[in-house]
Amino acid sequence: MPMNKFLFSPLLALLMLMSSATQADIGEQQAVSIAQSVYPGRVLAIKQVQASNSTVYRVKTLSAAGDVHIIVIDANSGRVISKQ
């Protein structure tokens, strides 16, 4: 019985740490705001994806001139990783 309790606590702590690591610090609306500050326009799509050990938002916008832009934003920091 004591052995099960001994193993359970570290396992639970590890699971909690892993789940918090994949949770985004910024929400979709914040990602949209950041993307529109880079390329103003209508948001066509937003998707949260896992990319190289981090979570990112991929935001696709349409400018008034008809140009489509894709902005990749780090979901934890809100930093723009790439823009096209």
N, C-alpha and C. Protein backbone atom coordinates (compact mmCIF):
# COMPACT_ATOMS: atom_id res chain seq x y z
N MET A 1 0.80 -1.20 0.00
CA MET A 1 0.00 0.00 0.00
C MET A 1 0.85 1.27 0.00
N PRO A 2 1.85 1.43 0.86
CA PRO A 2 2.67 2.63 0.85
C PRO A 2 3.42 2.80 -0.48
N MET A 3 3.79 1.70 -1.15
CA MET A 3 4.51 1.80 -2.42
C MET A 3 3.64 2.44 -3.49
N ASN A 4 2.35 2.10 -3.53
CA ASN A 4 1.44 2.70 -4.52
C ASN A 4 1.32 4.20 -4.29
N LYS A 5 1.22 4.62 -3.05
CA LYS A 5 1.12 6.04 -2.73
C LYS A 5 2.41 6.76 -3.10
N PHE A 6 3.54 6.11 -2.90
CA PHE A 6 4.84 6.67 -3.23
C PHE A 6 4.97 6.91 -4.74
N LEU A 7 4.47 6.01 -5.56
CA LEU A 7 4.56 6.14 -7.01
C LEU A 7 3.50 7.06 -7.58
N PHE A 8 2.35 7.14 -6.93
CA PHE A 8 1.24 7.91 -7.45
C PHE A 8 1.52 9.42 -7.46
N SER A 9 2.09 9.95 -6.39
CA SER A 9 2.32 11.40 -6.30
C SER A 9 3.25 11.94 -7.38
N PRO A 10 4.41 11.32 -7.62
CA PRO A 10 5.26 11.83 -8.71
C PRO A 10 4.61 11.68 -10.09
N LEU A 11 3.86 10.61 -10.28
CA LEU A 11 3.19 10.40 -11.55
C LEU A 11 2.13 11.47 -11.78
N LEU A 12 1.37 11.78 -10.76
CA LEU A 12 0.35 12.81 -10.85
C LEU A 12 0.99 14.17 -11.13
N ALA A 13 2.07 14.48 -10.46
CA ALA A 13 2.77 15.75 -10.67
C ALA A 13 3.28 15.85 -12.12
N LEU A 14 3.81 14.76 -12.64
CA LEU A 14 4.31 14.74 -14.01
C LEU A 14 3.18 14.96 -15.01
N LEU A 15 2.05 14.31 -14.80
CA LEU A 15 0.90 14.49 -15.69
C LEU A 15 0.39 15.93 -15.66
N MET A 16 0.36 16.53 -14.49
CA MET A 16 -0.09 17.92 -14.38
C MET A 16 0.87 18.86 -15.10
N LEU A 17 2.14 18.61 -14.98
CA LEU A 17 3.15 19.43 -15.64
C LEU A 17 3.03 19.31 -17.15
N MET A 18 2.83 18.10 -17.64
CA MET A 18 2.71 17.88 -19.08
C MET A 18 1.46 18.55 -19.63
N SER A 19 0.36 18.51 -18.92
CA SER A 19 -0.87 19.12 -19.43
C SER A 19 -0.76 20.63 -19.43
N SER A 20 -0.07 21.22 -18.48
CA SER A 20 0.08 22.67 -18.46
C SER A 20 1.07 23.15 -19.52
N ALA A 21 1.99 22.30 -19.92
CA ALA A 21 2.96 22.69 -20.94
C ALA A 21 2.32 22.81 -22.31
N THR A 22 1.25 22.06 -22.58
CA THR A 22 0.61 22.12 -23.88
C THR A 22 -0.51 23.15 -23.92
N GLN A 23 -0.84 23.75 -22.82
CA GLN A 23 -1.90 24.73 -22.77
C GLN A 23 -1.37 26.09 -23.23
N ALA A 24 -2.12 26.75 -24.07
CA ALA A 24 -1.70 28.04 -24.59
C ALA A 24 -1.92 29.15 -23.57
N ASP A 25 -0.98 30.10 -23.54
CA ASP A 25 -1.11 31.26 -22.66
C ASP A 25 -1.97 32.34 -23.28
N ILE A 26 -1.96 32.45 -24.61
CA ILE A 26 -2.82 33.42 -25.27
C ILE A 26 -3.98 32.68 -25.91
N GLY A 27 -5.10 33.33 -26.04
CA GLY A 27 -6.26 32.70 -26.66
C GLY A 27 -6.34 33.03 -28.14
N GLU A 28 -7.35 32.44 -28.79
CA GLU A 28 -7.53 32.67 -30.21
C GLU A 28 -7.75 34.15 -30.52
N GLN A 29 -8.55 34.82 -29.68
CA GLN A 29 -8.85 36.23 -29.94
C GLN A 29 -7.58 37.09 -29.86
N GLN A 30 -6.70 36.78 -28.91
CA GLN A 30 -5.43 37.51 -28.82
C GLN A 30 -4.57 37.22 -30.05
N ALA A 31 -4.56 35.98 -30.50
CA ALA A 31 -3.80 35.62 -31.70
C ALA A 31 -4.33 36.38 -32.92
N VAL A 32 -5.64 36.50 -33.02
CA VAL A 32 -6.25 37.26 -34.12
C VAL A 32 -5.81 38.72 -34.06
N SER A 33 -5.85 39.31 -32.87
CA SER A 33 -5.44 40.71 -32.71
C SER A 33 -3.99 40.92 -33.11
N ILE A 34 -3.13 40.00 -32.71
CA ILE A 34 -1.71 40.09 -33.07
C ILE A 34 -1.54 39.98 -34.58
N ALA A 35 -2.22 39.01 -35.18
CA ALA A 35 -2.12 38.80 -36.63
C ALA A 35 -2.62 40.03 -37.39
N GLN A 36 -3.72 40.62 -36.94
CA GLN A 36 -4.27 41.78 -37.63
C GLN A 36 -3.39 43.03 -37.44
N SER A 37 -2.60 43.05 -36.39
CA SER A 37 -1.67 44.17 -36.22
C SER A 37 -0.50 44.05 -37.20
N VAL A 38 -0.20 42.82 -37.64
CA VAL A 38 0.86 42.58 -38.61
C VAL A 38 0.33 42.81 -40.03
N TYR A 39 -0.80 42.17 -40.36
CA TYR A 39 -1.46 42.30 -41.65
C TYR A 39 -2.94 42.55 -41.41
N PRO A 40 -3.37 43.81 -41.42
CA PRO A 40 -4.79 44.11 -41.22
C PRO A 40 -5.66 43.46 -42.29
N GLY A 41 -6.84 43.06 -41.90
CA GLY A 41 -7.76 42.45 -42.86
C GLY A 41 -8.70 41.48 -42.19
N ARG A 42 -9.45 40.80 -43.00
CA ARG A 42 -10.44 39.82 -42.54
C ARG A 42 -9.74 38.49 -42.23
N VAL A 43 -10.09 37.89 -41.11
CA VAL A 43 -9.52 36.59 -40.73
C VAL A 43 -10.30 35.50 -41.47
N LEU A 44 -9.58 34.73 -42.25
CA LEU A 44 -10.19 33.63 -42.99
C LEU A 44 -10.21 32.34 -42.17
N ALA A 45 -9.15 32.13 -41.38
CA ALA A 45 -9.06 30.90 -40.59
C ALA A 45 -8.05 31.09 -39.47
N ILE A 46 -8.27 30.35 -38.40
CA ILE A 46 -7.29 30.28 -37.32
C ILE A 46 -7.26 28.84 -36.84
N LYS A 47 -6.06 28.35 -36.63
CA LYS A 47 -5.90 26.96 -36.20
C LYS A 47 -4.76 26.88 -35.19
N GLN A 48 -5.00 26.17 -34.10
CA GLN A 48 -3.96 25.93 -33.11
C GLN A 48 -3.30 24.60 -33.45
N VAL A 49 -1.98 24.61 -33.62
CA VAL A 49 -1.25 23.39 -34.01
C VAL A 49 -0.01 23.22 -33.16
N GLN A 50 0.44 21.98 -33.08
CA GLN A 50 1.68 21.62 -32.39
C GLN A 50 2.80 21.69 -33.41
N ALA A 51 3.84 22.48 -33.15
CA ALA A 51 4.96 22.61 -34.08
C ALA A 51 6.27 22.61 -33.33
N SER A 52 7.12 21.67 -33.64
CA SER A 52 8.45 21.52 -33.02
C SER A 52 8.46 21.83 -31.53
N ASN A 53 7.75 21.04 -30.78
CA ASN A 53 7.70 21.10 -29.31
C ASN A 53 7.08 22.37 -28.75
N SER A 54 6.32 23.10 -29.55
CA SER A 54 5.61 24.26 -29.04
C SER A 54 4.25 24.34 -29.72
N THR A 55 3.36 25.08 -29.10
CA THR A 55 2.04 25.27 -29.66
C THR A 55 2.00 26.63 -30.34
N VAL A 56 1.45 26.66 -31.54
CA VAL A 56 1.36 27.91 -32.29
C VAL A 56 -0.05 28.08 -32.83
N TYR A 57 -0.37 29.33 -33.12
CA TYR A 57 -1.59 29.64 -33.87
C TYR A 57 -1.19 29.98 -35.29
N ARG A 58 -1.91 29.43 -36.23
CA ARG A 58 -1.71 29.74 -37.65
C ARG A 58 -2.93 30.54 -38.07
N VAL A 59 -2.73 31.83 -38.36
CA VAL A 59 -3.83 32.72 -38.68
C VAL A 59 -3.71 33.13 -40.15
N LYS A 60 -4.80 32.94 -40.90
CA LYS A 60 -4.82 33.32 -42.32
C LYS A 60 -5.72 34.54 -42.46
N THR A 61 -5.18 35.61 -43.06
CA THR A 61 -5.96 36.84 -43.23
C THR A 61 -6.06 37.21 -44.71
N LEU A 62 -7.08 38.02 -45.02
CA LEU A 62 -7.29 38.53 -46.36
C LEU A 62 -7.28 40.05 -46.28
N SER A 63 -6.35 40.68 -46.99
CA SER A 63 -6.24 42.14 -46.95
C SER A 63 -7.31 42.77 -47.85
N ALA A 64 -7.49 44.09 -47.71
CA ALA A 64 -8.44 44.81 -48.54
C ALA A 64 -8.06 44.75 -50.02
N ALA A 65 -6.76 44.59 -50.29
CA ALA A 65 -6.26 44.49 -51.66
C ALA A 65 -6.44 43.09 -52.24
N GLY A 66 -6.89 42.14 -51.42
CA GLY A 66 -7.11 40.77 -51.89
C GLY A 66 -5.95 39.83 -51.67
N ASP A 67 -4.94 40.27 -50.91
CA ASP A 67 -3.78 39.41 -50.62
C ASP A 67 -4.07 38.53 -49.42
N VAL A 68 -3.68 37.27 -49.52
CA VAL A 68 -3.83 36.33 -48.41
C VAL A 68 -2.49 36.25 -47.68
N HIS A 69 -2.55 36.37 -46.37
CA HIS A 69 -1.34 36.30 -45.54
C HIS A 69 -1.52 35.22 -44.49
N ILE A 70 -0.42 34.54 -44.16
CA ILE A 70 -0.42 33.55 -43.09
C ILE A 70 0.57 34.01 -42.03
N ILE A 71 0.06 34.13 -40.81
CA ILE A 71 0.88 34.59 -39.69
C ILE A 71 0.92 33.46 -38.67
N VAL A 72 2.12 33.07 -38.25
CA VAL A 72 2.29 32.02 -37.25
C VAL A 72 2.72 32.69 -35.95
N ILE A 73 1.95 32.42 -34.89
CA ILE A 73 2.14 33.09 -33.60
C ILE A 73 2.36 32.05 -32.51
N ASP A 74 3.41 32.25 -31.70
CA ASP A 74 3.68 31.36 -30.57
C ASP A 74 2.54 31.51 -29.56
N ALA A 75 1.89 30.40 -29.22
CA ALA A 75 0.72 30.43 -28.35
C ALA A 75 1.07 30.72 -26.90
N ASN A 76 2.32 30.57 -26.53
CA ASN A 76 2.72 30.84 -25.14
C ASN A 76 3.15 32.28 -24.94
N SER A 77 3.91 32.83 -25.89
CA SER A 77 4.45 34.17 -25.71
C SER A 77 3.70 35.23 -26.50
N GLY A 78 2.99 34.84 -27.56
CA GLY A 78 2.34 35.80 -28.43
C GLY A 78 3.28 36.39 -29.46
N ARG A 79 4.50 35.86 -29.54
CA ARG A 79 5.50 36.35 -30.48
C ARG A 79 5.18 35.85 -31.88
N VAL A 80 5.34 36.73 -32.89
CA VAL A 80 5.14 36.35 -34.28
C VAL A 80 6.37 35.55 -34.72
N ILE A 81 6.13 34.31 -35.11
CA ILE A 81 7.22 33.42 -35.51
C ILE A 81 7.52 33.60 -37.00
N SER A 82 6.47 33.68 -37.80
CA SER A 82 6.67 33.91 -39.23
C SER A 82 5.45 34.58 -39.81
N LYS A 83 5.67 35.23 -40.94
CA LYS A 83 4.58 35.91 -41.65
C LYS A 83 4.87 35.87 -43.14
N GLN A 84 3.82 35.67 -43.93
CA GLN A 84 3.98 35.62 -45.38
C GLN A 84 2.88 36.44 -46.02
